[in-house]
């Protein structure tokens, strides 16, 4: 039973050109308690939604940041209670295989529901999305197509409802409203500089290779040569991970990890990343100079956003963020948590030693002091190398790394890595008991949840 006076299942059809805000074409909504139905085409949108609003009305959609983006374009007040069936399906199946993905068809297939209506008229869907529908389809055809999705979504909601944790589902729905705001506003871009970069990107690539590769000698033109890289590693005395085939592992993850252990590798890793990932023409920038793309909320296994690296300004190499340029009289703040994972583990486990380390402002140095590896008077300036070892140990623990991986990360022997991990176990015993209990629970119940239900 849903504790709301009205339950509105809604779907918009809209055009969405790259980098631009959506242009609503139609809306269809069903109010499930009364059976009322609403069909509105583009010239009929008013100042308010046609159905009831308020805290006692539940708005239901599938990937709601799209619908709520249309709300923002229409300047409608945001729904106060949002249930996103896409997010709840992602939560229900997180970490499990799904027969047909996590989209509407995948959810229908998972619950054994008929998805034929959702498959039909793919041509119409594309025409609406790129704005070419006017000479090809009538308003009635588009409304019927949209209503088919609404009816399908209502059936999916009823199938999923017994397994939905409603209070926490509403928190996730609130986040989808926040994602809609971010997608609506976009990120301000220096368009003039972007066009300069696009026009000269080929020459810039050649200059980057010439400037950086002089220290390595591993490129032949724009081609990265494996044999040359192997010779460089041998000359520099750098041990490099291998694939099962015996070839050097050239994945970006391996380069990132090795760059931490051997900082001289970092410029080469950044160069490879820039050349491989940076496709400036794919960056989605609207006519108003704002970078907009779908944030793909809750797409990652950890419940984070997973937008396209090519289309989103925060996806490619870090230096490209210099293109972010607020309008005159405005500013952009880039904010991140400090040692967030460490602080969360300290809080949830109730480990007072870990909490004290976090409150010190430098948990890595505090860890070294608590383990009696450095004196209480130690600072980052006086004991930087020791602090770095304990920092890498903390990061390794947070990502489940064992002694072999940590040894590679810090370029030290396995016994040094093992001793560091032992120090962590001894210093933060309460945290490890909590962690082991969480693992036991996961093994017994075959599931593991955050405090907010993900």
Protein backbone atom coordinates (compact mmCIF):
# COMPACT_ATOMS: atom_id res chain seq x y z
CA UNK A 1 0.00 0.00 0.00
CA UNK A 2 1.34 3.45 -0.96
CA UNK A 3 0.55 6.02 1.79
CA UNK A 4 -0.34 8.89 -0.56
CA UNK A 5 -3.61 10.55 -1.49
CA UNK A 6 -2.76 10.36 -5.17
CA UNK A 7 -0.17 8.42 -7.20
CA UNK A 8 0.73 9.98 -10.54
CA UNK A 9 2.65 7.90 -13.09
CA UNK A 10 3.95 10.26 -15.78
CA UNK A 11 6.12 10.36 -18.87
CA UNK A 12 7.26 13.19 -21.14
CA UNK A 13 8.34 12.93 -24.72
CA UNK A 14 10.85 15.64 -25.59
CA UNK A 15 13.43 16.68 -28.12
CA UNK A 16 16.99 16.97 -26.81
CA UNK A 17 19.80 18.20 -29.04
CA UNK A 18 23.38 17.77 -27.78
CA UNK A 19 24.19 20.22 -24.99
CA UNK A 20 20.72 21.77 -24.99
CA UNK A 21 17.89 21.68 -22.50
CA UNK A 22 14.96 19.39 -23.39
CA UNK A 23 12.06 20.74 -25.41
CA UNK A 24 8.86 19.08 -24.11
CA UNK A 25 6.67 17.65 -26.88
CA UNK A 26 3.95 15.97 -24.83
CA UNK A 27 3.03 14.63 -21.41
CA UNK A 28 0.87 11.66 -20.48
CA UNK A 29 0.03 10.87 -16.85
CA UNK A 30 -2.20 8.35 -15.08
CA UNK A 31 -3.48 8.89 -11.55
CA UNK A 32 -3.68 5.33 -10.24
CA UNK A 33 -6.22 5.75 -7.41
CA UNK A 34 -8.95 7.50 -9.39
CA UNK A 35 -8.06 6.19 -12.85
CA UNK A 36 -7.91 9.74 -14.30
CA UNK A 37 -5.75 10.20 -17.38
CA UNK A 38 -4.04 13.32 -18.70
CA UNK A 39 -2.79 13.87 -22.26
CA UNK A 40 -1.14 17.20 -23.07
CA UNK A 41 0.58 18.19 -26.31
CA UNK A 42 3.22 20.92 -26.71
CA UNK A 43 0.85 23.88 -27.23
CA UNK A 44 -1.31 22.89 -24.23
CA UNK A 45 1.24 23.15 -21.41
CA UNK A 46 0.04 25.56 -18.73
CA UNK A 47 1.73 27.21 -15.72
CA UNK A 48 1.11 24.14 -13.52
CA UNK A 49 0.86 20.36 -13.97
CA UNK A 50 -2.67 19.18 -14.83
CA UNK A 51 -2.74 16.80 -11.84
CA UNK A 52 -2.58 17.41 -8.10
CA UNK A 53 0.66 18.38 -6.36
CA UNK A 54 1.85 18.54 -2.78
CA UNK A 55 3.42 16.31 -0.10
CA UNK A 56 0.53 13.83 -0.25
CA UNK A 57 0.96 13.19 -3.99
CA UNK A 58 3.55 10.67 -5.21
CA UNK A 59 5.13 11.37 -8.59
CA UNK A 60 6.36 8.18 -10.32
CA UNK A 61 8.60 8.05 -13.37
CA UNK A 62 11.37 6.04 -15.01
CA UNK A 63 14.69 7.91 -14.81
CA UNK A 64 12.98 10.97 -13.41
CA UNK A 65 15.71 13.54 -14.04
CA UNK A 66 14.45 13.54 -17.65
CA UNK A 67 10.87 14.28 -16.59
CA UNK A 68 11.95 16.79 -13.96
CA UNK A 69 14.18 18.47 -16.53
CA UNK A 70 11.00 19.13 -18.51
CA UNK A 71 9.45 20.47 -15.30
CA UNK A 72 12.29 22.99 -15.08
CA UNK A 73 11.94 24.07 -18.71
CA UNK A 74 8.20 24.57 -18.16
CA UNK A 75 8.90 26.37 -14.86
CA UNK A 76 6.61 23.97 -12.99
CA UNK A 77 7.10 23.50 -9.24
CA UNK A 78 9.05 20.33 -8.46
CA UNK A 79 7.10 17.32 -7.15
CA UNK A 80 7.60 17.03 -3.39
CA UNK A 81 7.64 13.21 -3.36
CA UNK A 82 9.37 11.35 -6.21
CA UNK A 83 9.65 7.61 -6.77
CA UNK A 84 12.00 6.65 -9.59
CA UNK A 85 11.32 3.11 -10.81
CA UNK A 86 14.62 3.02 -12.74
CA UNK A 87 16.60 3.77 -9.58
CA UNK A 88 14.67 1.23 -7.55
CA UNK A 89 15.27 -1.43 -10.21
CA UNK A 90 18.99 -0.57 -10.17
CA UNK A 91 18.93 -0.89 -6.39
CA UNK A 92 17.02 -4.19 -6.50
CA UNK A 93 19.45 -5.80 -8.97
CA UNK A 94 22.70 -4.05 -8.03
CA UNK A 95 25.58 -6.52 -8.39
CA UNK A 96 23.36 -9.12 -10.07
CA UNK A 97 23.06 -10.02 -13.75
CA UNK A 98 19.96 -8.74 -15.54
CA UNK A 99 18.60 -10.43 -18.68
CA UNK A 100 18.30 -7.25 -20.74
CA UNK A 101 20.09 -4.42 -18.94
CA UNK A 102 18.69 -1.79 -16.57
CA UNK A 103 16.42 0.14 -18.93
CA UNK A 104 12.65 -0.15 -19.10
CA UNK A 105 12.82 -3.27 -21.29
CA UNK A 106 15.35 -4.84 -18.94
CA UNK A 107 13.14 -4.21 -15.92
CA UNK A 108 10.08 -5.62 -17.69
CA UNK A 109 11.98 -8.73 -18.73
CA UNK A 110 13.31 -9.21 -15.19
CA UNK A 111 9.76 -9.31 -13.80
CA UNK A 112 8.36 -11.34 -16.68
CA UNK A 113 6.19 -8.51 -18.00
CA UNK A 114 5.25 -7.93 -21.63
CA UNK A 115 7.50 -5.30 -23.18
CA UNK A 116 6.19 -5.34 -26.74
CA UNK A 117 4.63 -1.87 -26.48
CA UNK A 118 7.92 -0.44 -25.27
CA UNK A 119 9.80 -1.97 -28.24
CA UNK A 120 7.46 -0.68 -30.93
CA UNK A 121 7.99 2.51 -32.93
CA UNK A 122 11.72 2.98 -32.30
CA UNK A 123 11.64 5.22 -35.37
CA UNK A 124 9.17 7.53 -33.62
CA UNK A 125 11.34 7.69 -30.51
CA UNK A 126 14.35 8.79 -32.56
CA UNK A 127 12.31 11.34 -34.49
CA UNK A 128 11.00 12.91 -31.28
CA UNK A 129 14.47 12.99 -29.74
CA UNK A 130 16.13 14.79 -32.64
CA UNK A 131 13.16 17.07 -33.34
CA UNK A 132 12.27 15.69 -36.80
CA UNK A 133 8.85 14.29 -35.86
CA UNK A 134 6.64 17.10 -37.23
CA UNK A 135 6.43 15.98 -40.86
CA UNK A 136 6.37 12.29 -39.95
CA UNK A 137 3.98 11.71 -37.03
CA UNK A 138 0.75 13.24 -35.81
CA UNK A 139 0.25 14.52 -32.25
CA UNK A 140 -2.22 11.71 -31.61
CA UNK A 141 0.32 9.08 -32.64
CA UNK A 142 2.95 10.56 -30.34
CA UNK A 143 0.50 10.78 -27.43
CA UNK A 144 -0.53 7.15 -27.94
CA UNK A 145 3.12 6.10 -27.99
CA UNK A 146 3.78 8.01 -24.76
CA UNK A 147 0.67 6.57 -23.11
CA UNK A 148 1.87 3.08 -23.89
CA UNK A 149 5.01 3.76 -21.86
CA UNK A 150 2.94 5.14 -18.97
CA UNK A 151 0.69 2.07 -18.88
CA UNK A 152 3.75 -0.19 -19.01
CA UNK A 153 5.43 1.77 -16.21
CA UNK A 154 2.30 1.47 -14.03
CA UNK A 155 2.37 -2.32 -14.41
CA UNK A 156 6.07 -2.40 -13.56
CA UNK A 157 5.47 -0.27 -10.47
CA UNK A 158 2.85 -2.70 -9.16
CA UNK A 159 5.20 -5.64 -9.73
CA UNK A 160 8.06 -3.94 -7.90
CA UNK A 161 6.09 -2.30 -5.09
CA UNK A 162 6.31 -5.12 -2.52
CA UNK A 163 10.12 -4.92 -2.59
CA UNK A 164 10.47 -1.12 -2.50
CA UNK A 165 11.76 0.45 0.73
CA UNK A 166 9.61 3.55 0.37
CA UNK A 167 11.22 5.98 2.86
CA UNK A 168 14.67 5.44 1.38
CA UNK A 169 13.28 5.29 -2.15
CA UNK A 170 11.97 8.83 -1.64
CA UNK A 171 15.49 9.95 -0.65
CA UNK A 172 16.77 8.57 -3.92
CA UNK A 173 13.90 10.31 -5.73
CA UNK A 174 14.96 13.60 -4.14
CA UNK A 175 18.42 13.07 -5.56
CA UNK A 176 16.99 12.62 -9.06
CA UNK A 177 15.39 16.05 -8.67
CA UNK A 178 18.82 17.41 -7.75
CA UNK A 179 20.34 15.67 -10.78
CA UNK A 180 17.69 17.36 -12.96
CA UNK A 181 18.79 20.74 -11.59
CA UNK A 182 22.43 19.99 -12.41
CA UNK A 183 21.58 18.81 -15.92
CA UNK A 184 19.38 21.89 -16.44
CA UNK A 185 22.01 24.40 -15.31
CA UNK A 186 25.01 22.75 -16.93
CA UNK A 187 28.62 23.88 -16.52
CA UNK A 188 29.70 27.22 -18.04
CA UNK A 189 32.37 26.74 -20.71
CA UNK A 190 34.85 29.10 -22.39
CA UNK A 191 33.45 28.40 -25.85
CA UNK A 192 35.99 30.57 -27.67
CA UNK A 193 38.90 28.68 -26.13
CA UNK A 194 37.17 25.35 -26.79
CA UNK A 195 36.90 26.22 -30.49
CA UNK A 196 40.59 27.17 -30.56
CA UNK A 197 41.45 23.81 -29.01
CA UNK A 198 39.24 21.92 -31.44
CA UNK A 199 40.76 23.70 -34.43
CA UNK A 200 44.32 23.05 -33.29
CA UNK A 201 43.96 19.74 -31.48
CA UNK A 202 45.98 17.73 -34.02
CA UNK A 203 48.92 20.11 -33.77
CA UNK A 204 48.57 20.21 -29.96
CA UNK A 205 48.78 16.40 -29.83
CA UNK A 206 52.00 16.45 -31.82
CA UNK A 207 53.46 19.13 -29.56
CA UNK A 208 52.48 17.23 -26.42
CA UNK A 209 54.14 14.07 -27.69
CA UNK A 210 57.28 15.97 -28.67
CA UNK A 211 57.50 17.75 -25.30
CA UNK A 212 56.82 14.77 -23.03
CA UNK A 213 58.22 11.85 -24.99
CA UNK A 214 61.72 13.35 -25.08
CA UNK A 215 62.16 11.91 -21.56
CA UNK A 216 60.90 8.45 -22.56
CA UNK A 217 61.44 7.81 -26.27
CA UNK A 218 58.47 5.43 -26.50
CA UNK A 219 56.47 7.07 -29.33
CA UNK A 220 56.86 6.60 -33.05
CA UNK A 221 54.89 9.51 -34.45
CA UNK A 222 51.58 9.18 -32.60
CA UNK A 223 51.97 5.46 -31.96
CA UNK A 224 52.93 4.17 -28.52
CA UNK A 225 55.55 1.45 -29.07
CA UNK A 226 55.48 -1.45 -26.63
CA UNK A 227 59.04 -2.51 -27.34
CA UNK A 228 60.38 0.97 -26.69
CA UNK A 229 58.42 1.20 -23.45
CA UNK A 230 59.85 -2.15 -22.30
CA UNK A 231 63.37 -0.84 -22.95
CA UNK A 232 62.62 2.33 -20.98
CA UNK A 233 61.33 0.34 -18.00
CA UNK A 234 64.40 -1.90 -18.01
CA UNK A 235 66.74 1.08 -18.15
CA UNK A 236 64.86 2.85 -15.34
CA UNK A 237 64.68 -0.29 -13.19
CA UNK A 238 60.87 -0.18 -12.93
CA UNK A 239 59.08 -3.53 -12.48
CA UNK A 240 55.83 -3.50 -14.45
CA UNK A 241 52.74 -5.75 -14.10
CA UNK A 242 52.17 -8.27 -16.86
CA UNK A 243 49.06 -9.73 -18.46
CA UNK A 244 48.47 -13.48 -18.52
CA UNK A 245 49.91 -13.44 -22.04
CA UNK A 246 53.19 -12.11 -20.69
CA UNK A 247 52.73 -8.70 -22.33
CA UNK A 248 53.07 -5.49 -20.33
CA UNK A 249 49.74 -4.37 -18.85
CA UNK A 250 49.06 -1.00 -20.50
CA UNK A 251 45.63 -0.32 -18.98
CA UNK A 252 45.03 3.15 -17.59
CA UNK A 253 44.36 1.70 -14.15
CA UNK A 254 47.80 0.08 -14.11
CA UNK A 255 49.44 3.28 -15.35
CA UNK A 256 47.66 5.25 -12.61
CA UNK A 257 48.78 2.82 -9.93
CA UNK A 258 52.37 2.70 -11.17
CA UNK A 259 52.51 6.49 -11.40
CA UNK A 260 51.86 6.62 -7.65
CA UNK A 261 54.77 4.29 -6.95
CA UNK A 262 57.04 5.78 -9.63
CA UNK A 263 56.18 9.50 -10.09
CA UNK A 264 58.40 9.75 -13.18
CA UNK A 265 55.72 7.71 -15.00
CA UNK A 266 52.96 10.27 -14.26
CA UNK A 267 53.59 12.60 -17.28
CA UNK A 268 53.56 9.64 -19.65
CA UNK A 269 50.34 8.33 -18.13
CA UNK A 270 48.71 11.78 -18.49
CA UNK A 271 49.85 11.99 -22.11
CA UNK A 272 48.42 8.55 -22.97
CA UNK A 273 45.16 9.43 -21.22
CA UNK A 274 44.85 12.73 -23.09
CA UNK A 275 45.55 11.19 -26.48
CA UNK A 276 43.23 8.22 -25.94
CA UNK A 277 40.27 9.78 -24.16
CA UNK A 278 40.11 13.39 -25.24
CA UNK A 279 37.67 13.81 -28.13
CA UNK A 280 36.92 17.51 -28.02
CA UNK A 281 34.13 17.31 -30.59
CA UNK A 282 32.21 14.96 -28.28
CA UNK A 283 32.03 17.51 -25.45
CA UNK A 284 28.34 18.53 -25.26
CA UNK A 285 28.04 22.33 -25.20
CA UNK A 286 24.74 24.13 -25.86
CA UNK A 287 24.15 27.41 -27.63
CA UNK A 288 24.25 29.18 -24.26
CA UNK A 289 27.81 27.95 -23.63
CA UNK A 290 26.81 25.37 -21.02
CA UNK A 291 28.10 21.81 -20.96
CA UNK A 292 25.10 19.51 -20.48
CA UNK A 293 24.81 15.76 -20.64
CA UNK A 294 22.87 13.08 -18.83
CA UNK A 295 24.55 12.44 -15.46
CA UNK A 296 23.52 8.76 -15.43
CA UNK A 297 22.65 8.88 -11.75
CA UNK A 298 22.91 5.60 -9.79
CA UNK A 299 24.55 3.88 -12.77
CA UNK A 300 27.69 2.78 -10.93
CA UNK A 301 27.68 -0.21 -8.61
CA UNK A 302 28.39 2.11 -5.67
CA UNK A 303 25.36 4.25 -6.57
CA UNK A 304 27.34 7.17 -7.99
CA UNK A 305 26.76 9.15 -11.17
CA UNK A 306 28.41 7.70 -14.25
CA UNK A 307 28.21 10.32 -17.03
CA UNK A 308 30.01 9.92 -20.35
CA UNK A 309 33.71 10.75 -20.01
CA UNK A 310 33.68 12.12 -23.56
CA UNK A 311 30.60 14.34 -23.19
CA UNK A 312 31.08 15.72 -19.66
CA UNK A 313 33.71 18.34 -18.80
CA UNK A 314 34.79 16.40 -15.68
CA UNK A 315 35.40 13.20 -17.66
CA UNK A 316 38.57 13.85 -19.72
CA UNK A 317 41.99 14.90 -18.44
CA UNK A 318 42.03 17.27 -15.48
CA UNK A 319 43.71 20.08 -17.40
CA UNK A 320 40.65 20.44 -19.62
CA UNK A 321 38.72 21.80 -16.63
CA UNK A 322 40.49 25.07 -17.37
CA UNK A 323 37.71 25.50 -19.95
CA UNK A 324 35.21 26.02 -17.11
CA UNK A 325 34.51 29.75 -17.16
CA UNK A 326 31.67 31.38 -15.17
CA UNK A 327 29.94 34.45 -16.63
CA UNK A 328 31.06 37.93 -15.46
CA UNK A 329 30.00 38.60 -11.88
CA UNK A 330 29.61 34.89 -11.08
CA UNK A 331 31.91 32.18 -9.73
CA UNK A 332 32.21 28.40 -9.72
CA UNK A 333 33.35 26.51 -6.61
CA UNK A 334 34.78 23.01 -7.01
CA UNK A 335 34.16 21.26 -3.69
CA UNK A 336 35.24 17.82 -2.53
CA UNK A 337 35.24 15.95 0.77
CA UNK A 338 38.54 15.53 2.59
CA UNK A 339 39.46 11.87 3.32
CA UNK A 340 35.74 11.06 3.09
CA UNK A 341 36.00 7.27 3.13
CA UNK A 342 38.25 7.32 6.20
CA UNK A 343 35.81 9.58 8.05
CA UNK A 344 32.79 7.46 7.14
CA UNK A 345 34.50 4.27 8.31
CA UNK A 346 35.47 5.98 11.58
CA UNK A 347 31.91 7.18 12.18
CA UNK A 348 30.06 3.98 11.25
CA UNK A 349 32.43 1.66 13.11
CA UNK A 350 32.59 3.80 16.25
CA UNK A 351 36.39 3.42 16.31
CA UNK A 352 37.52 6.24 18.62
CA UNK A 353 41.18 6.01 17.55
CA UNK A 354 40.15 6.35 13.93
CA UNK A 355 37.84 9.25 14.76
CA UNK A 356 40.69 11.02 16.59
CA UNK A 357 42.92 10.54 13.54
CA UNK A 358 40.25 12.01 11.27
CA UNK A 359 39.66 15.01 13.54
CA UNK A 360 43.39 15.77 13.54
CA UNK A 361 43.06 17.06 9.97
CA UNK A 362 45.75 14.68 8.69
CA UNK A 363 44.64 11.08 9.34
CA UNK A 364 47.62 9.63 7.49
CA UNK A 365 50.18 11.29 9.73
CA UNK A 366 48.00 10.62 12.77
CA UNK A 367 47.91 6.92 11.83
CA UNK A 368 51.72 6.86 11.68
CA UNK A 369 51.88 8.46 15.14
CA UNK A 370 49.30 6.07 16.60
CA UNK A 371 51.32 3.15 15.24
CA UNK A 372 54.46 4.60 16.89
CA UNK A 373 56.18 4.82 13.52
CA UNK A 374 56.97 8.53 13.90
CA UNK A 375 57.27 10.80 16.97
CA UNK A 376 54.32 12.86 18.18
CA UNK A 377 56.15 15.99 17.01
CA UNK A 378 56.29 14.72 13.40
CA UNK A 379 54.90 16.89 10.63
CA UNK A 380 54.35 16.40 6.93
CA UNK A 381 57.51 18.43 6.31
CA UNK A 382 59.71 16.43 8.69
CA UNK A 383 58.37 12.94 8.00
CA UNK A 384 56.87 13.17 4.50
CA UNK A 385 58.09 9.77 3.20
CA UNK A 386 56.79 7.91 6.28
CA UNK A 387 53.45 9.72 6.04
CA UNK A 388 53.17 8.72 2.37
CA UNK A 389 53.62 5.05 3.25
CA UNK A 390 50.85 5.18 5.84
CA UNK A 391 48.64 7.15 3.43
CA UNK A 392 49.03 4.47 0.77
CA UNK A 393 48.23 1.83 3.39
CA UNK A 394 44.99 3.62 4.33
CA UNK A 395 43.98 3.92 0.67
CA UNK A 396 44.88 0.28 0.03
CA UNK A 397 42.69 -0.89 2.93
CA UNK A 398 39.75 1.18 1.69
CA UNK A 399 39.94 -0.54 -1.70
CA UNK A 400 40.47 -4.04 -0.33
CA UNK A 401 44.10 -4.31 -1.42
CA UNK A 402 46.28 -7.07 0.03
CA UNK A 403 50.03 -7.11 0.79
CA UNK A 404 51.14 -7.92 -2.76
CA UNK A 405 49.16 -5.06 -4.26
CA UNK A 406 50.28 -2.62 -1.58
CA UNK A 407 53.92 -3.62 -2.06
CA UNK A 408 53.61 -2.80 -5.75
CA UNK A 409 51.84 0.47 -4.98
CA UNK A 410 54.57 1.71 -2.59
CA UNK A 411 57.49 0.10 -4.46
CA UNK A 412 58.58 -1.70 -1.29
CA UNK A 413 59.05 -5.33 -0.30
CA UNK A 414 56.08 -7.51 0.59
CA UNK A 415 57.15 -7.62 4.25
CA UNK A 416 57.01 -3.80 4.48
CA UNK A 417 53.51 -3.85 3.01
CA UNK A 418 52.44 -6.66 5.33
CA UNK A 419 53.74 -4.76 8.38
CA UNK A 420 51.84 -1.64 7.34
CA UNK A 421 48.60 -3.61 7.03
CA UNK A 422 49.30 -5.20 10.42
CA UNK A 423 49.73 -1.71 11.90
CA UNK A 424 46.32 -0.75 10.52
CA UNK A 425 44.70 -3.86 12.05
CA UNK A 426 46.30 -3.21 15.44
CA UNK A 427 45.64 0.53 15.53
CA UNK A 428 42.01 0.38 14.40
CA UNK A 429 40.81 -2.88 15.92
CA UNK A 430 37.24 -1.63 16.45
CA UNK A 431 36.94 -0.68 12.79
CA UNK A 432 38.19 -4.09 11.71
CA UNK A 433 35.72 -5.91 13.96
CA UNK A 434 32.93 -3.82 12.44
CA UNK A 435 34.23 -4.48 8.92
CA UNK A 436 34.52 -8.23 9.53
CA UNK A 437 30.99 -8.31 10.95
CA UNK A 438 29.66 -6.51 7.86
CA UNK A 439 31.42 -9.06 5.68
CA UNK A 440 29.97 -11.94 7.70
CA UNK A 441 26.50 -10.43 7.32
CA UNK A 442 26.98 -10.12 3.57
CA UNK A 443 28.07 -13.75 3.28
CA UNK A 444 25.14 -14.97 5.37
CA UNK A 445 22.40 -12.86 3.76
CA UNK A 446 23.87 -12.55 0.25
CA UNK A 447 23.36 -8.77 0.34
CA UNK A 448 24.96 -5.67 1.80
CA UNK A 449 23.39 -2.22 2.18
CA UNK A 450 24.48 1.30 3.02
CA UNK A 451 22.63 3.09 5.82
CA UNK A 452 20.41 4.74 3.22
CA UNK A 453 19.49 1.45 1.58
CA UNK A 454 21.75 1.22 -1.48
